[in-house]
Amino acid sequence: MTTFVFIPGAGGDAWYWHRVAAELTARGHEAISVDLPAEDDKAGLPEYADAVDAAVGERAEPVLVALSLGGFTAAAVAARRPVAGIVFVNAMIPLPGETASAWGEVTGSAEARRELALRQGRDPDADVDLRADFFQDVPEDLIAYALSHDRDESERIFGDPCVFEAWPAVPIRVLTGRDDRMFPAVFQQRVARERLGVEAELLPGGHLVPLSHPVEVADLVERSGTASTAPDCATD
């Protein structure tokens, strides 16, 4: 049995992981989905990491699984306590001391989104659309629930530096939805190579692949212990 700790992205709602968590629980693992204090304007990365620590408790060396913005929280947690591995799923992978607000400009994520839109014949200058850019392959009933329970995000989380010195010497994997419109697959693959020295693994689905393809995500997460170990954190 492995303990998997699921960290959500923007909005901090553990619900986004519920399908993957159920799949892994059915396979005999322990799945802990963490609600982050996203609606608390005073909450930043330390408080987000506190929430993960509280959920994990005394369990030894869990595998952290982080979605999107949750990549910053995963890095902060791994700097505090031993973990058995880290799995990034369409996630923002930080450098030491980096902020989430700076991450997009440093990595070039906006340019990557624009280039993908042009290749696909979409308007590259259109505003981000939740349904089209986040939920494009998610079942309609799940979209309706998510949009009706939308949560605000603490502004502080984007300005807090991610405090860690280097990635732990544990297996680190990067799972990338090949149809992700927010963080295009080619972009994610480049960032994974530059920042972790690992190859991102493609799977079907868009940005919210834990909702659209939970079995495929669970299959890859379950095998997380076989991944290559990441080197010390690289710099751009």
Protein backbone atom coordinates (compact mmCIF):
# COMPACT_ATOMS: atom_id res chain seq x y z
CA MET A 1 0.00 0.00 0.00
CA THR A 2 1.20 3.48 -0.89
CA THR A 3 -0.06 6.73 0.61
CA PHE A 4 -0.78 9.25 -2.13
CA VAL A 5 -1.40 12.87 -1.16
CA PHE A 6 -3.32 14.85 -3.78
CA ILE A 7 -2.73 18.59 -3.94
CA PRO A 8 -5.19 20.66 -6.00
CA GLY A 9 -4.46 23.63 -8.23
CA ALA A 10 -5.98 27.11 -8.15
CA GLY A 11 -9.03 27.28 -5.91
CA GLY A 12 -7.57 24.66 -3.58
CA ASP A 13 -10.53 22.26 -3.85
CA ALA A 14 -9.71 18.63 -3.08
CA TRP A 15 -12.74 17.60 -5.17
CA TYR A 16 -10.72 17.90 -8.38
CA TRP A 17 -8.88 14.74 -7.37
CA HIS A 18 -11.90 12.70 -6.27
CA ARG A 19 -12.03 10.38 -9.29
CA VAL A 20 -8.33 9.49 -9.17
CA ALA A 21 -8.43 9.08 -5.39
CA ALA A 22 -11.37 6.69 -5.64
CA GLU A 23 -9.58 4.65 -8.28
CA LEU A 24 -6.44 4.24 -6.19
CA THR A 25 -8.40 3.51 -3.02
CA ALA A 26 -10.15 0.70 -4.88
CA ARG A 27 -6.71 -0.72 -5.69
CA GLY A 28 -5.77 -0.89 -2.01
CA HIS A 29 -3.83 2.36 -1.60
CA GLU A 30 -4.43 5.24 0.76
CA ALA A 31 -5.50 8.45 -0.97
CA ILE A 32 -5.56 11.77 0.88
CA SER A 33 -7.05 14.71 -1.02
CA VAL A 34 -6.17 18.02 0.61
CA ASP A 35 -8.35 21.14 0.75
CA LEU A 36 -6.15 24.22 0.70
CA PRO A 37 -7.10 27.53 2.41
CA ALA A 38 -7.47 29.31 -0.92
CA GLU A 39 -10.30 31.59 0.24
CA ASP A 40 -8.20 33.01 3.08
CA ASP A 41 -6.50 36.16 1.76
CA LYS A 42 -3.89 35.84 4.51
CA ALA A 43 -2.91 32.33 3.41
CA GLY A 44 0.23 31.81 1.38
CA LEU A 45 2.60 28.96 0.62
CA PRO A 46 3.48 28.28 4.28
CA GLU A 47 -0.21 27.95 5.16
CA TYR A 48 -0.86 25.77 2.13
CA ALA A 49 2.02 23.51 3.19
CA ASP A 50 0.62 23.51 6.74
CA ALA A 51 -2.68 22.17 5.38
CA VAL A 52 -0.89 19.32 3.61
CA ASP A 53 1.16 18.54 6.72
CA ALA A 54 -1.98 18.41 8.86
CA ALA A 55 -3.71 16.08 6.41
CA VAL A 56 -0.72 13.72 6.23
CA GLY A 57 -0.15 13.67 9.97
CA GLU A 58 2.30 11.01 11.13
CA ARG A 59 2.19 8.97 7.94
CA ALA A 60 5.70 8.26 6.72
CA GLU A 61 7.00 9.28 3.31
CA PRO A 62 3.88 9.75 1.17
CA VAL A 63 3.92 10.34 -2.57
CA LEU A 64 2.87 13.91 -3.37
CA VAL A 65 0.69 14.35 -6.47
CA ALA A 66 0.22 17.97 -7.53
CA LEU A 67 -2.05 19.56 -10.12
CA SER A 68 -1.30 22.90 -11.83
CA LEU A 69 -0.59 25.61 -9.21
CA GLY A 70 -0.27 22.80 -6.67
CA GLY A 71 3.26 22.22 -7.91
CA PHE A 72 4.42 25.12 -5.76
CA THR A 73 2.79 23.62 -2.67
CA ALA A 74 4.37 20.22 -3.40
CA ALA A 75 7.83 21.79 -3.51
CA ALA A 76 7.21 23.58 -0.20
CA VAL A 77 6.00 20.37 1.47
CA ALA A 78 8.92 18.29 0.15
CA ALA A 79 11.30 20.81 1.72
CA ARG A 80 9.72 20.20 5.12
CA ARG A 81 9.32 16.45 5.42
CA PRO A 82 10.51 13.19 3.82
CA VAL A 83 8.47 12.07 0.83
CA ALA A 84 8.70 8.90 -1.25
CA GLY A 85 8.14 10.68 -4.55
CA ILE A 86 6.56 13.61 -6.36
CA VAL A 87 4.22 13.46 -9.33
CA PHE A 88 3.45 16.67 -11.21
CA VAL A 89 0.24 16.60 -13.27
CA ASN A 90 -0.04 19.52 -15.72
CA ALA A 91 1.76 21.36 -12.97
CA MET A 92 3.79 24.49 -12.43
CA ILE A 93 7.32 23.34 -11.53
CA PRO A 94 9.10 26.06 -9.52
CA LEU A 95 12.73 27.00 -9.09
CA PRO A 96 14.03 27.78 -5.59
CA GLY A 97 12.82 31.21 -4.52
CA GLU A 98 10.49 31.63 -7.51
CA THR A 99 6.97 33.03 -7.17
CA ALA A 100 3.93 31.73 -8.99
CA SER A 101 3.31 35.20 -10.44
CA ALA A 102 6.78 35.22 -12.02
CA TRP A 103 6.64 31.62 -13.22
CA GLY A 104 4.59 32.31 -16.35
CA GLU A 105 6.88 35.02 -17.68
CA VAL A 106 10.06 33.13 -16.84
CA THR A 107 8.90 29.90 -18.50
CA GLY A 108 7.06 31.51 -21.42
CA SER A 109 3.72 29.84 -20.76
CA ALA A 110 1.63 32.63 -22.35
CA GLU A 111 3.64 32.43 -25.57
CA ALA A 112 3.23 28.66 -25.60
CA ARG A 113 -0.55 28.99 -25.22
CA ARG A 114 -0.67 31.52 -28.04
CA GLU A 115 1.38 29.33 -30.37
CA LEU A 116 -0.87 26.35 -29.68
CA ALA A 117 -4.00 28.38 -30.35
CA LEU A 118 -2.57 29.51 -33.70
CA ARG A 119 -1.72 25.94 -34.67
CA GLN A 120 -5.22 24.79 -33.77
CA GLY A 121 -6.97 27.63 -35.59
CA ARG A 122 -8.26 29.28 -32.43
CA ASP A 123 -8.12 32.99 -31.63
CA PRO A 124 -4.72 33.46 -29.96
CA ASP A 125 -5.80 36.74 -28.38
CA ALA A 126 -9.06 35.53 -26.86
CA ASP A 127 -9.51 35.72 -23.11
CA VAL A 128 -9.13 32.49 -21.16
CA ASP A 129 -12.42 30.59 -21.21
CA LEU A 130 -12.98 28.11 -18.38
CA ARG A 131 -15.05 25.69 -20.45
CA ALA A 132 -12.87 25.81 -23.54
CA ASP A 133 -9.44 26.02 -21.94
CA PHE A 134 -9.82 24.05 -18.69
CA PHE A 135 -12.84 21.76 -19.07
CA GLN A 136 -12.82 20.98 -22.81
CA ASP A 137 -12.93 17.18 -22.27
CA VAL A 138 -14.54 16.95 -18.83
CA PRO A 139 -18.02 15.33 -18.52
CA GLU A 140 -20.78 17.93 -18.46
CA ASP A 141 -22.11 16.96 -15.02
CA LEU A 142 -18.67 17.50 -13.52
CA ILE A 143 -18.30 20.85 -15.28
CA ALA A 144 -21.63 21.99 -13.86
CA TYR A 145 -20.63 20.98 -10.34
CA ALA A 146 -17.19 22.60 -10.59
CA LEU A 147 -18.50 25.91 -11.91
CA SER A 148 -21.25 26.05 -9.29
CA HIS A 149 -18.70 25.50 -6.51
CA ASP A 150 -16.00 27.80 -7.86
CA ARG A 151 -13.69 29.15 -5.16
CA ASP A 152 -11.61 32.29 -4.99
CA GLU A 153 -7.83 32.13 -4.72
CA SER A 154 -5.69 33.92 -2.17
CA GLU A 155 -3.69 36.65 -3.88
CA ARG A 156 -0.81 36.03 -1.51
CA ILE A 157 -0.15 32.56 -2.94
CA PHE A 158 1.08 34.11 -6.18
CA GLY A 159 3.59 36.39 -4.44
CA ASP A 160 5.13 34.04 -1.90
CA PRO A 161 8.56 32.71 -2.92
CA CYS A 162 8.82 28.93 -3.01
CA VAL A 163 11.37 28.25 -0.29
CA PHE A 164 13.47 25.17 -0.94
CA GLU A 165 17.11 24.52 -1.79
CA ALA A 166 16.92 21.50 -4.09
CA TRP A 167 14.58 18.70 -5.07
CA PRO A 168 14.79 15.65 -2.80
CA ALA A 169 16.56 12.56 -4.14
CA VAL A 170 13.33 10.69 -4.76
CA PRO A 171 11.50 9.62 -7.92
CA ILE A 172 9.95 12.64 -9.62
CA ARG A 173 7.57 12.27 -12.56
CA VAL A 174 5.83 14.77 -14.79
CA LEU A 175 2.49 13.73 -16.33
CA THR A 176 1.26 15.88 -19.18
CA GLY A 177 -2.14 15.96 -20.87
CA ARG A 178 -1.42 15.96 -24.58
CA ASP A 179 -4.45 18.21 -25.18
CA ASP A 180 -3.75 20.72 -22.39
CA ARG A 181 -4.50 24.24 -23.65
CA MET A 182 -3.29 26.11 -20.57
CA PHE A 183 0.13 24.46 -20.38
CA PRO A 184 0.66 22.90 -23.82
CA ALA A 185 2.34 19.51 -23.88
CA VAL A 186 5.47 20.64 -25.76
CA PHE A 187 5.88 23.48 -23.27
CA GLN A 188 5.54 21.14 -20.28
CA GLN A 189 8.06 18.74 -21.77
CA ARG A 190 10.60 21.53 -22.16
CA VAL A 191 10.10 22.82 -18.62
CA ALA A 192 10.44 19.28 -17.20
CA ARG A 193 13.75 18.78 -19.01
CA GLU A 194 15.13 22.18 -18.05
CA ARG A 195 14.06 22.20 -14.42
CA LEU A 196 14.09 18.54 -13.42
CA GLY A 197 16.09 16.72 -16.06
CA VAL A 198 13.21 14.29 -16.66
CA GLU A 199 11.02 13.49 -19.63
CA ALA A 200 7.35 14.35 -19.22
CA GLU A 201 5.01 11.44 -19.88
CA LEU A 202 2.03 12.07 -22.15
CA LEU A 203 -1.48 10.87 -21.46
CA PRO A 204 -4.82 11.72 -23.06
CA GLY A 205 -6.70 14.73 -21.75
CA GLY A 206 -6.65 18.46 -21.20
CA HIS A 207 -5.64 20.57 -18.22
CA LEU A 208 -8.07 18.91 -15.79
CA VAL A 209 -7.09 15.39 -16.74
CA PRO A 210 -7.83 14.03 -13.22
CA LEU A 211 -11.50 14.66 -14.00
CA SER A 212 -11.50 13.62 -17.66
CA HIS A 213 -9.18 10.58 -17.60
CA PRO A 214 -8.93 9.39 -13.98
CA VAL A 215 -8.05 5.77 -14.76
CA GLU A 216 -5.14 6.73 -16.99
CA VAL A 217 -3.88 9.18 -14.35
CA ALA A 218 -4.24 6.56 -11.61
CA ASP A 219 -2.32 4.00 -13.69
CA LEU A 220 0.66 6.34 -14.08
CA VAL A 221 0.54 7.66 -10.52
CA GLU A 222 0.47 4.11 -9.15
CA ARG A 223 3.74 3.37 -10.95
CA SER A 224 5.41 6.49 -9.57
CA GLY A 225 8.00 4.51 -7.64
CA THR A 226 9.63 3.34 -10.87
CA ALA A 227 10.51 6.84 -12.13
CA SER A 228 13.97 8.26 -12.51
CA THR A 229 15.34 10.29 -9.63
CA ALA A 230 15.59 13.99 -10.35
CA PRO A 231 18.95 15.72 -9.99
CA ASP A 232 19.53 18.76 -7.81
CA CYS A 233 17.30 21.61 -8.93
CA ALA A 234 18.45 23.14 -12.17
CA THR A 235 18.41 26.84 -12.95
CA ASP A 236 17.19 28.56 -16.06
